[in-house]
Amino acid sequence: MPAQALLPVLLLCALLLQAQGGHHNRKRMKNTQLSTEIKACEKRIKIYMCKHHCEYHQECQANNICCSTFCGNVCMSLL
């Protein structure tokens, strides 16, 4: 391949990588996506906590996560 054609091909490859979000480790990205899933609460909750419903972890206050219980998804303290 002539040297004049090599530079545009390399530039095209670099642009395609940026369009796809850069060069990332797919396994690491998969683990990040899994950590956002709502899982069952590890602790037993009190009945009054059932009024703090959530769908995402971001809806809960600091040091709280959204987890699944008998009354739906609720915000629960990590501490």
PDB file of N, CA and C in Angstrom:
ATOM      1  N   MET A   1       0.859  -1.172   0.000  1.00  0.00           N
ATOM      2  CA  MET A   1       0.000   0.000   0.000  1.00  0.00           C
ATOM      3  C   MET A   1       0.904   1.233   0.000  1.00  0.00           C
ATOM      4  N   PRO A   2       0.635   2.169  -0.864  1.00  0.00           N
ATOM      5  CA  PRO A   2       1.462   3.377  -0.908  1.00  0.00           C
ATOM      6  C   PRO A   2       1.332   4.178   0.387  1.00  0.00           C
ATOM      7  N   ALA A   3       2.369   4.881   0.720  1.00  0.00           N
ATOM      8  CA  ALA A   3       2.404   5.662   1.955  1.00  0.00           C
ATOM      9  C   ALA A   3       1.340   6.755   1.953  1.00  0.00           C
ATOM     10  N   GLN A   4       0.978   7.268   0.763  1.00  0.00           N
ATOM     11  CA  GLN A   4      -0.039   8.325   0.675  1.00  0.00           C
ATOM     12  C   GLN A   4      -1.425   7.810   1.065  1.00  0.00           C
ATOM     13  N   ALA A   5      -1.700   6.546   0.873  1.00  0.00           N
ATOM     14  CA  ALA A   5      -3.004   5.981   1.205  1.00  0.00           C
ATOM     15  C   ALA A   5      -3.068   5.526   2.655  1.00  0.00           C
ATOM     16  N   LEU A   6      -1.930   5.310   3.285  1.00  0.00           N
ATOM     17  CA  LEU A   6      -1.897   4.815   4.653  1.00  0.00           C
ATOM     18  C   LEU A   6      -2.428   5.847   5.654  1.00  0.00           C
ATOM     19  N   LEU A   7      -2.054   7.102   5.487  1.00  0.00           N
ATOM     20  CA  LEU A   7      -2.493   8.145   6.418  1.00  0.00           C
ATOM     21  C   LEU A   7      -4.018   8.311   6.419  1.00  0.00           C
ATOM     22  N   PRO A   8      -4.689   8.396   5.276  1.00  0.00           N
ATOM     23  CA  PRO A   8      -6.160   8.495   5.316  1.00  0.00           C
ATOM     24  C   PRO A   8      -6.835   7.265   5.936  1.00  0.00           C
ATOM     25  N   VAL A   9      -6.273   6.086   5.737  1.00  0.00           N
ATOM     26  CA  VAL A   9      -6.846   4.881   6.324  1.00  0.00           C
ATOM     27  C   VAL A   9      -6.712   4.927   7.844  1.00  0.00           C
ATOM     28  N   LEU A  10      -5.555   5.345   8.351  1.00  0.00           N
ATOM     29  CA  LEU A  10      -5.363   5.467   9.795  1.00  0.00           C
ATOM     30  C   LEU A  10      -6.287   6.530  10.384  1.00  0.00           C
ATOM     31  N   LEU A  11      -6.454   7.632   9.677  1.00  0.00           N
ATOM     32  CA  LEU A  11      -7.354   8.688  10.136  1.00  0.00           C
ATOM     33  C   LEU A  11      -8.801   8.191  10.185  1.00  0.00           C
ATOM     34  N   LEU A  12      -9.204   7.438   9.183  1.00  0.00           N
ATOM     35  CA  LEU A  12     -10.543   6.871   9.162  1.00  0.00           C
ATOM     36  C   LEU A  12     -10.755   5.910  10.328  1.00  0.00           C
ATOM     37  N   CYS A  13      -9.769   5.084  10.619  1.00  0.00           N
ATOM     38  CA  CYS A  13      -9.873   4.155  11.759  1.00  0.00           C
ATOM     39  C   CYS A  13     -10.018   4.913  13.078  1.00  0.00           C
ATOM     40  N   ALA A  14      -9.240   5.975  13.257  1.00  0.00           N
ATOM     41  CA  ALA A  14      -9.311   6.768  14.486  1.00  0.00           C
ATOM     42  C   ALA A  14     -10.686   7.428  14.627  1.00  0.00           C
ATOM     43  N   LEU A  15     -11.236   7.934  13.530  1.00  0.00           N
ATOM     44  CA  LEU A  15     -12.560   8.559  13.579  1.00  0.00           C
ATOM     45  C   LEU A  15     -13.651   7.541  13.883  1.00  0.00           C
ATOM     46  N   LEU A  16     -13.535   6.347  13.330  1.00  0.00           N
ATOM     47  CA  LEU A  16     -14.526   5.308  13.613  1.00  0.00           C
ATOM     48  C   LEU A  16     -14.495   4.886  15.079  1.00  0.00           C
ATOM     49  N   LEU A  17     -13.306   4.804  15.659  1.00  0.00           N
ATOM     50  CA  LEU A  17     -13.201   4.461  17.079  1.00  0.00           C
ATOM     51  C   LEU A  17     -13.854   5.524  17.950  1.00  0.00           C
ATOM     52  N   GLN A  18     -13.650   6.789  17.605  1.00  0.00           N
ATOM     53  CA  GLN A  18     -14.262   7.865  18.383  1.00  0.00           C
ATOM     54  C   GLN A  18     -15.776   7.862  18.230  1.00  0.00           C
ATOM     55  N   ALA A  19     -16.280   7.546  17.051  1.00  0.00           N
ATOM     56  CA  ALA A  19     -17.726   7.507  16.820  1.00  0.00           C
ATOM     57  C   ALA A  19     -18.377   6.390  17.631  1.00  0.00           C
ATOM     58  N   GLN A  20     -17.626   5.334  17.916  1.00  0.00           N
ATOM     59  CA  GLN A  20     -18.158   4.223  18.701  1.00  0.00           C
ATOM     60  C   GLN A  20     -17.929   4.417  20.193  1.00  0.00           C
ATOM     61  N   GLY A  21     -17.430   5.548  20.608  1.00  0.00           N
ATOM     62  CA  GLY A  21     -17.206   5.814  22.023  1.00  0.00           C
ATOM     63  C   GLY A  21     -15.788   5.521  22.463  1.00  0.00           C
ATOM     64  N   GLY A  22     -14.887   5.346  21.537  1.00  0.00           N
ATOM     65  CA  GLY A  22     -13.494   5.097  21.894  1.00  0.00           C
ATOM     66  C   GLY A  22     -13.215   3.625  22.089  1.00  0.00           C
ATOM     67  N   HIS A  23     -11.976   3.341  22.370  1.00  0.00           N
ATOM     68  CA  HIS A  23     -11.544   1.960  22.577  1.00  0.00           C
ATOM     69  C   HIS A  23     -11.747   1.606  24.045  1.00  0.00           C
ATOM     70  N   HIS A  24     -12.733   0.767  24.345  1.00  0.00           N
ATOM     71  CA  HIS A  24     -13.053   0.380  25.718  1.00  0.00           C
ATOM     72  C   HIS A  24     -12.982  -1.125  25.857  1.00  0.00           C
ATOM     73  N   ASN A  25     -12.789  -1.543  27.049  1.00  0.00           N
ATOM     74  CA  ASN A  25     -12.846  -2.966  27.356  1.00  0.00           C
ATOM     75  C   ASN A  25     -14.314  -3.341  27.496  1.00  0.00           C
ATOM     76  N   ARG A  26     -14.833  -4.168  26.596  1.00  0.00           N
ATOM     77  CA  ARG A  26     -16.264  -4.507  26.602  1.00  0.00           C
ATOM     78  C   ARG A  26     -16.671  -5.216  27.887  1.00  0.00           C
ATOM     79  N   LYS A  27     -15.792  -6.022  28.449  1.00  0.00           N
ATOM     80  CA  LYS A  27     -16.126  -6.738  29.684  1.00  0.00           C
ATOM     81  C   LYS A  27     -16.341  -5.747  30.827  1.00  0.00           C
ATOM     82  N   ARG A  28     -15.494  -4.717  30.908  1.00  0.00           N
ATOM     83  CA  ARG A  28     -15.639  -3.709  31.957  1.00  0.00           C
ATOM     84  C   ARG A  28     -16.943  -2.947  31.792  1.00  0.00           C
ATOM     85  N   MET A  29     -17.299  -2.608  30.555  1.00  0.00           N
ATOM     86  CA  MET A  29     -18.549  -1.896  30.311  1.00  0.00           C
ATOM     87  C   MET A  29     -19.735  -2.768  30.660  1.00  0.00           C
ATOM     88  N   LYS A  30     -19.663  -4.059  30.412  1.00  0.00           N
ATOM     89  CA  LYS A  30     -20.753  -4.965  30.740  1.00  0.00           C
ATOM     90  C   LYS A  30     -20.954  -5.032  32.246  1.00  0.00           C
ATOM     91  N   ASN A  31     -19.864  -5.064  33.029  1.00  0.00           N
ATOM     92  CA  ASN A  31     -19.962  -5.086  34.487  1.00  0.00           C
ATOM     93  C   ASN A  31     -20.579  -3.799  35.012  1.00  0.00           C
ATOM     94  N   THR A  32     -20.274  -2.674  34.394  1.00  0.00           N
ATOM     95  CA  THR A  32     -20.840  -1.395  34.811  1.00  0.00           C
ATOM     96  C   THR A  32     -22.346  -1.386  34.589  1.00  0.00           C
ATOM     97  N   GLN A  33     -22.791  -1.927  33.468  1.00  0.00           N
ATOM     98  CA  GLN A  33     -24.219  -1.958  33.196  1.00  0.00           C
ATOM     99  C   GLN A  33     -24.934  -2.875  34.169  1.00  0.00           C
ATOM    100  N   LEU A  34     -24.314  -3.977  34.553  1.00  0.00           N
ATOM    101  CA  LEU A  34     -24.961  -4.910  35.465  1.00  0.00           C
ATOM    102  C   LEU A  34     -25.131  -4.320  36.851  1.00  0.00           C
ATOM    103  N   SER A  35     -24.222  -3.438  37.270  1.00  0.00           N
ATOM    104  CA  SER A  35     -24.305  -2.894  38.616  1.00  0.00           C
ATOM    105  C   SER A  35     -25.469  -1.915  38.781  1.00  0.00           C
ATOM    106  N   THR A  36     -26.069  -1.474  37.690  1.00  0.00           N
ATOM    107  CA  THR A  36     -27.196  -0.553  37.788  1.00  0.00           C
ATOM    108  C   THR A  36     -28.532  -1.276  37.902  1.00  0.00           C
ATOM    109  N   GLU A  37     -28.535  -2.598  37.826  1.00  0.00           N
ATOM    110  CA  GLU A  37     -29.780  -3.351  37.942  1.00  0.00           C
ATOM    111  C   GLU A  37     -30.317  -3.286  39.370  1.00  0.00           C
ATOM    112  N   ILE A  38     -31.629  -3.328  39.491  1.00  0.00           N
ATOM    113  CA  ILE A  38     -32.269  -3.337  40.801  1.00  0.00           C
ATOM    114  C   ILE A  38     -32.268  -4.776  41.310  1.00  0.00           C
ATOM    115  N   LYS A  39     -31.657  -4.995  42.454  1.00  0.00           N
ATOM    116  CA  LYS A  39     -31.571  -6.331  43.042  1.00  0.00           C
ATOM    117  C   LYS A  39     -32.411  -6.384  44.315  1.00  0.00           C
ATOM    118  N   ALA A  40     -32.617  -7.576  44.817  1.00  0.00           N
ATOM    119  CA  ALA A  40     -33.371  -7.745  46.061  1.00  0.00           C
ATOM    120  C   ALA A  40     -32.604  -7.126  47.218  1.00  0.00           C
ATOM    121  N   CYS A  41     -33.318  -6.504  48.152  1.00  0.00           N
ATOM    122  CA  CYS A  41     -32.681  -5.892  49.317  1.00  0.00           C
ATOM    123  C   CYS A  41     -32.026  -6.972  50.186  1.00  0.00           C
ATOM    124  N   GLU A  42     -30.853  -6.662  50.698  1.00  0.00           N
ATOM    125  CA  GLU A  42     -30.141  -7.612  51.547  1.00  0.00           C
ATOM    126  C   GLU A  42     -30.656  -7.590  52.982  1.00  0.00           C
ATOM    127  N   LYS A  43     -31.178  -6.437  53.408  1.00  0.00           N
ATOM    128  CA  LYS A  43     -31.704  -6.308  54.771  1.00  0.00           C
ATOM    129  C   LYS A  43     -33.225  -6.339  54.726  1.00  0.00           C
ATOM    130  N   ARG A  44     -33.835  -6.698  55.833  1.00  0.00           N
ATOM    131  CA  ARG A  44     -35.299  -6.607  55.947  1.00  0.00           C
ATOM    132  C   ARG A  44     -35.660  -5.150  56.140  1.00  0.00           C
ATOM    133  N   ILE A  45     -36.741  -4.740  55.514  1.00  0.00           N
ATOM    134  CA  ILE A  45     -37.137  -3.339  55.636  1.00  0.00           C
ATOM    135  C   ILE A  45     -38.314  -3.206  56.585  1.00  0.00           C
ATOM    136  N   LYS A  46     -38.468  -2.019  57.092  1.00  0.00           N
ATOM    137  CA  LYS A  46     -39.622  -1.680  57.935  1.00  0.00           C
ATOM    138  C   LYS A  46     -40.765  -1.257  57.013  1.00  0.00           C
ATOM    139  N   ILE A  47     -41.973  -1.435  57.441  1.00  0.00           N
ATOM    140  CA  ILE A  47     -43.143  -1.158  56.610  1.00  0.00           C
ATOM    141  C   ILE A  47     -43.214   0.307  56.185  1.00  0.00           C
ATOM    142  N   TYR A  48     -42.719   1.225  57.009  1.00  0.00           N
ATOM    143  CA  TYR A  48     -42.788   2.655  56.656  1.00  0.00           C
ATOM    144  C   TYR A  48     -41.893   2.991  55.468  1.00  0.00           C
ATOM    145  N   MET A  49     -40.911   2.144  55.167  1.00  0.00           N
ATOM    146  CA  MET A  49     -40.014   2.409  54.037  1.00  0.00           C
ATOM    147  C   MET A  49     -40.707   2.193  52.696  1.00  0.00           C
ATOM    148  N   CYS A  50     -41.866   1.541  52.707  1.00  0.00           N
ATOM    149  CA  CYS A  50     -42.591   1.264  51.467  1.00  0.00           C
ATOM    150  C   CYS A  50     -43.117   2.526  50.790  1.00  0.00           C
ATOM    151  N   LYS A  51     -43.101   3.657  51.471  1.00  0.00           N
ATOM    152  CA  LYS A  51     -43.568   4.894  50.839  1.00  0.00           C
ATOM    153  C   LYS A  51     -42.466   5.585  50.034  1.00  0.00           C
ATOM    154  N   HIS A  52     -41.229   5.093  50.081  1.00  0.00           N
ATOM    155  CA  HIS A  52     -40.098   5.691  49.351  1.00  0.00           C
ATOM    156  C   HIS A  52     -39.792   4.853  48.108  1.00  0.00           C
ATOM    157  N   HIS A  53     -40.712   4.837  47.152  1.00  0.00           N
ATOM    158  CA  HIS A  53     -40.534   4.033  45.944  1.00  0.00           C
ATOM    159  C   HIS A  53     -39.515   4.659  44.997  1.00  0.00           C
ATOM    160  N   CYS A  54     -38.874   3.803  44.182  1.00  0.00           N
ATOM    161  CA  CYS A  54     -37.871   4.261  43.223  1.00  0.00           C
ATOM    162  C   CYS A  54     -37.844   3.301  42.035  1.00  0.00           C
ATOM    163  N   GLU A  55     -37.257   3.774  40.951  1.00  0.00           N
ATOM    164  CA  GLU A  55     -37.037   2.936  39.774  1.00  0.00           C
ATOM    165  C   GLU A  55     -35.559   2.834  39.441  1.00  0.00           C
ATOM    166  N   TYR A  56     -34.758   3.813  39.875  1.00  0.00           N
ATOM    167  CA  TYR A  56     -33.334   3.860  39.585  1.00  0.00           C
ATOM    168  C   TYR A  56     -32.578   4.241  40.859  1.00  0.00           C
ATOM    169  N   HIS A  57     -31.301   3.872  40.923  1.00  0.00           N
ATOM    170  CA  HIS A  57     -30.465   4.234  42.074  1.00  0.00           C
ATOM    171  C   HIS A  57     -30.338   5.754  42.200  1.00  0.00           C
ATOM    172  N   GLN A  58     -30.355   6.467  41.067  1.00  0.00           N
ATOM    173  CA  GLN A  58     -30.180   7.916  41.085  1.00  0.00           C
ATOM    174  C   GLN A  58     -31.346   8.633  41.753  1.00  0.00           C
ATOM    175  N   GLU A  59     -32.479   7.983  41.882  1.00  0.00           N
ATOM    176  CA  GLU A  59     -33.636   8.611  42.528  1.00  0.00           C
ATOM    177  C   GLU A  59     -33.509   8.618  44.047  1.00  0.00           C
ATOM    178  N   CYS A  60     -32.581   7.859  44.587  1.00  0.00           N
ATOM    179  CA  CYS A  60     -32.405   7.774  46.043  1.00  0.00           C
ATOM    180  C   CYS A  60     -31.367   8.794  46.508  1.00  0.00           C
ATOM    181  N   GLN A  61     -31.433   9.152  47.783  1.00  0.00           N
ATOM    182  CA  GLN A  61     -30.482  10.094  48.360  1.00  0.00           C
ATOM    183  C   GLN A  61     -29.113   9.450  48.487  1.00  0.00           C
ATOM    184  N   ALA A  62     -28.132  10.234  48.889  1.00  0.00           N
ATOM    185  CA  ALA A  62     -26.763   9.738  49.048  1.00  0.00           C
ATOM    186  C   ALA A  62     -26.726   8.583  50.043  1.00  0.00           C
ATOM    187  N   ASN A  63     -25.861   7.626  49.808  1.00  0.00           N
ATOM    188  CA  ASN A  63     -25.685   6.424  50.640  1.00  0.00           C
ATOM    189  C   ASN A  63     -26.920   5.532  50.659  1.00  0.00           C
ATOM    190  N   ASN A  64     -27.798   5.676  49.683  1.00  0.00           N
ATOM    191  CA  ASN A  64     -28.980   4.819  49.544  1.00  0.00           C
ATOM    192  C   ASN A  64     -28.956   4.164  48.174  1.00  0.00           C
ATOM    193  N   ILE A  65     -29.556   2.988  48.077  1.00  0.00           N
ATOM    194  CA  ILE A  65     -29.704   2.313  46.793  1.00  0.00           C
ATOM    195  C   ILE A  65     -31.166   1.949  46.601  1.00  0.00           C
ATOM    196  N   CYS A  66     -31.542   1.707  45.376  1.00  0.00           N
ATOM    197  CA  CYS A  66     -32.880   1.252  45.045  1.00  0.00           C
ATOM    198  C   CYS A  66     -32.828  -0.273  44.991  1.00  0.00           C
ATOM    199  N   CYS A  67     -33.660  -0.934  45.807  1.00  0.00           N
ATOM    200  CA  CYS A  67     -33.673  -2.396  45.812  1.00  0.00           C
ATOM    201  C   CYS A  67     -35.107  -2.907  45.886  1.00  0.00           C
ATOM    202  N   SER A  68     -35.289  -4.159  45.522  1.00  0.00           N
ATOM    203  CA  SER A  68     -36.609  -4.756  45.406  1.00  0.00           C
ATOM    204  C   SER A  68     -37.053  -5.396  46.718  1.00  0.00           C
ATOM    205  N   THR A  69     -38.321  -5.149  47.105  1.00  0.00           N
ATOM    206  CA  THR A  69     -38.890  -5.718  48.332  1.00  0.00           C
ATOM    207  C   THR A  69     -40.291  -6.233  48.049  1.00  0.00           C
ATOM    208  N   PHE A  70     -40.980  -6.680  49.091  1.00  0.00           N
ATOM    209  CA  PHE A  70     -42.338  -7.199  48.963  1.00  0.00           C
ATOM    210  C   PHE A  70     -43.329  -6.126  48.529  1.00  0.00           C
ATOM    211  N   CYS A  71     -42.990  -4.845  48.763  1.00  0.00           N
ATOM    212  CA  CYS A  71     -43.912  -3.770  48.416  1.00  0.00           C
ATOM    213  C   CYS A  71     -43.443  -2.963  47.200  1.00  0.00           C
ATOM    214  N   GLY A  72     -42.499  -3.486  46.457  1.00  0.00           N
ATOM    215  CA  GLY A  72     -41.988  -2.792  45.272  1.00  0.00           C
ATOM    216  C   GLY A  72     -40.538  -2.374  45.503  1.00  0.00           C
ATOM    217  N   ASN A  73     -40.026  -1.544  44.610  1.00  0.00           N
ATOM    218  CA  ASN A  73     -38.665  -1.039  44.731  1.00  0.00           C
ATOM    219  C   ASN A  73     -38.653   0.150  45.679  1.00  0.00           C
ATOM    220  N   VAL A  74     -37.740   0.114  46.667  1.00  0.00           N
ATOM    221  CA  VAL A  74     -37.639   1.204  47.637  1.00  0.00           C
ATOM    222  C   VAL A  74     -36.186   1.620  47.807  1.00  0.00           C
ATOM    223  N   CYS A  75     -35.987   2.851  48.308  1.00  0.00           N
ATOM    224  CA  CYS A  75     -34.653   3.350  48.626  1.00  0.00           C
ATOM    225  C   CYS A  75     -34.251   2.829  50.003  1.00  0.00           C
ATOM    226  N   MET A  76     -33.072   2.226  50.088  1.00  0.00           N
ATOM    227  CA  MET A  76     -32.601   1.665  51.350  1.00  0.00           C
ATOM    228  C   MET A  76     -31.170   2.139  51.621  1.00  0.00           C
ATOM    229  N   SER A  77     -30.865   2.414  52.856  1.00  0.00           N
ATOM    230  CA  SER A  77     -29.539   2.894  53.248  1.00  0.00           C
ATOM    231  C   SER A  77     -28.496   1.787  53.105  1.00  0.00           C
ATOM    232  N   LEU A  78     -27.313   2.160  52.646  1.00  0.00           N
ATOM    233  CA  LEU A  78     -26.201   1.224  52.554  1.00  0.00           C
ATOM    234  C   LEU A  78     -25.529   1.013  53.895  1.00  0.00           C
ATOM    235  N   LEU A  79     -25.727   1.950  54.819  1.00  0.00           N
ATOM    236  CA  LEU A  79     -25.040   1.891  56.109  1.00  0.00           C
ATOM    237  C   LEU A  79     -25.713   0.974  57.088  1.00  0.00           C
TER     238      LEU A  79
END
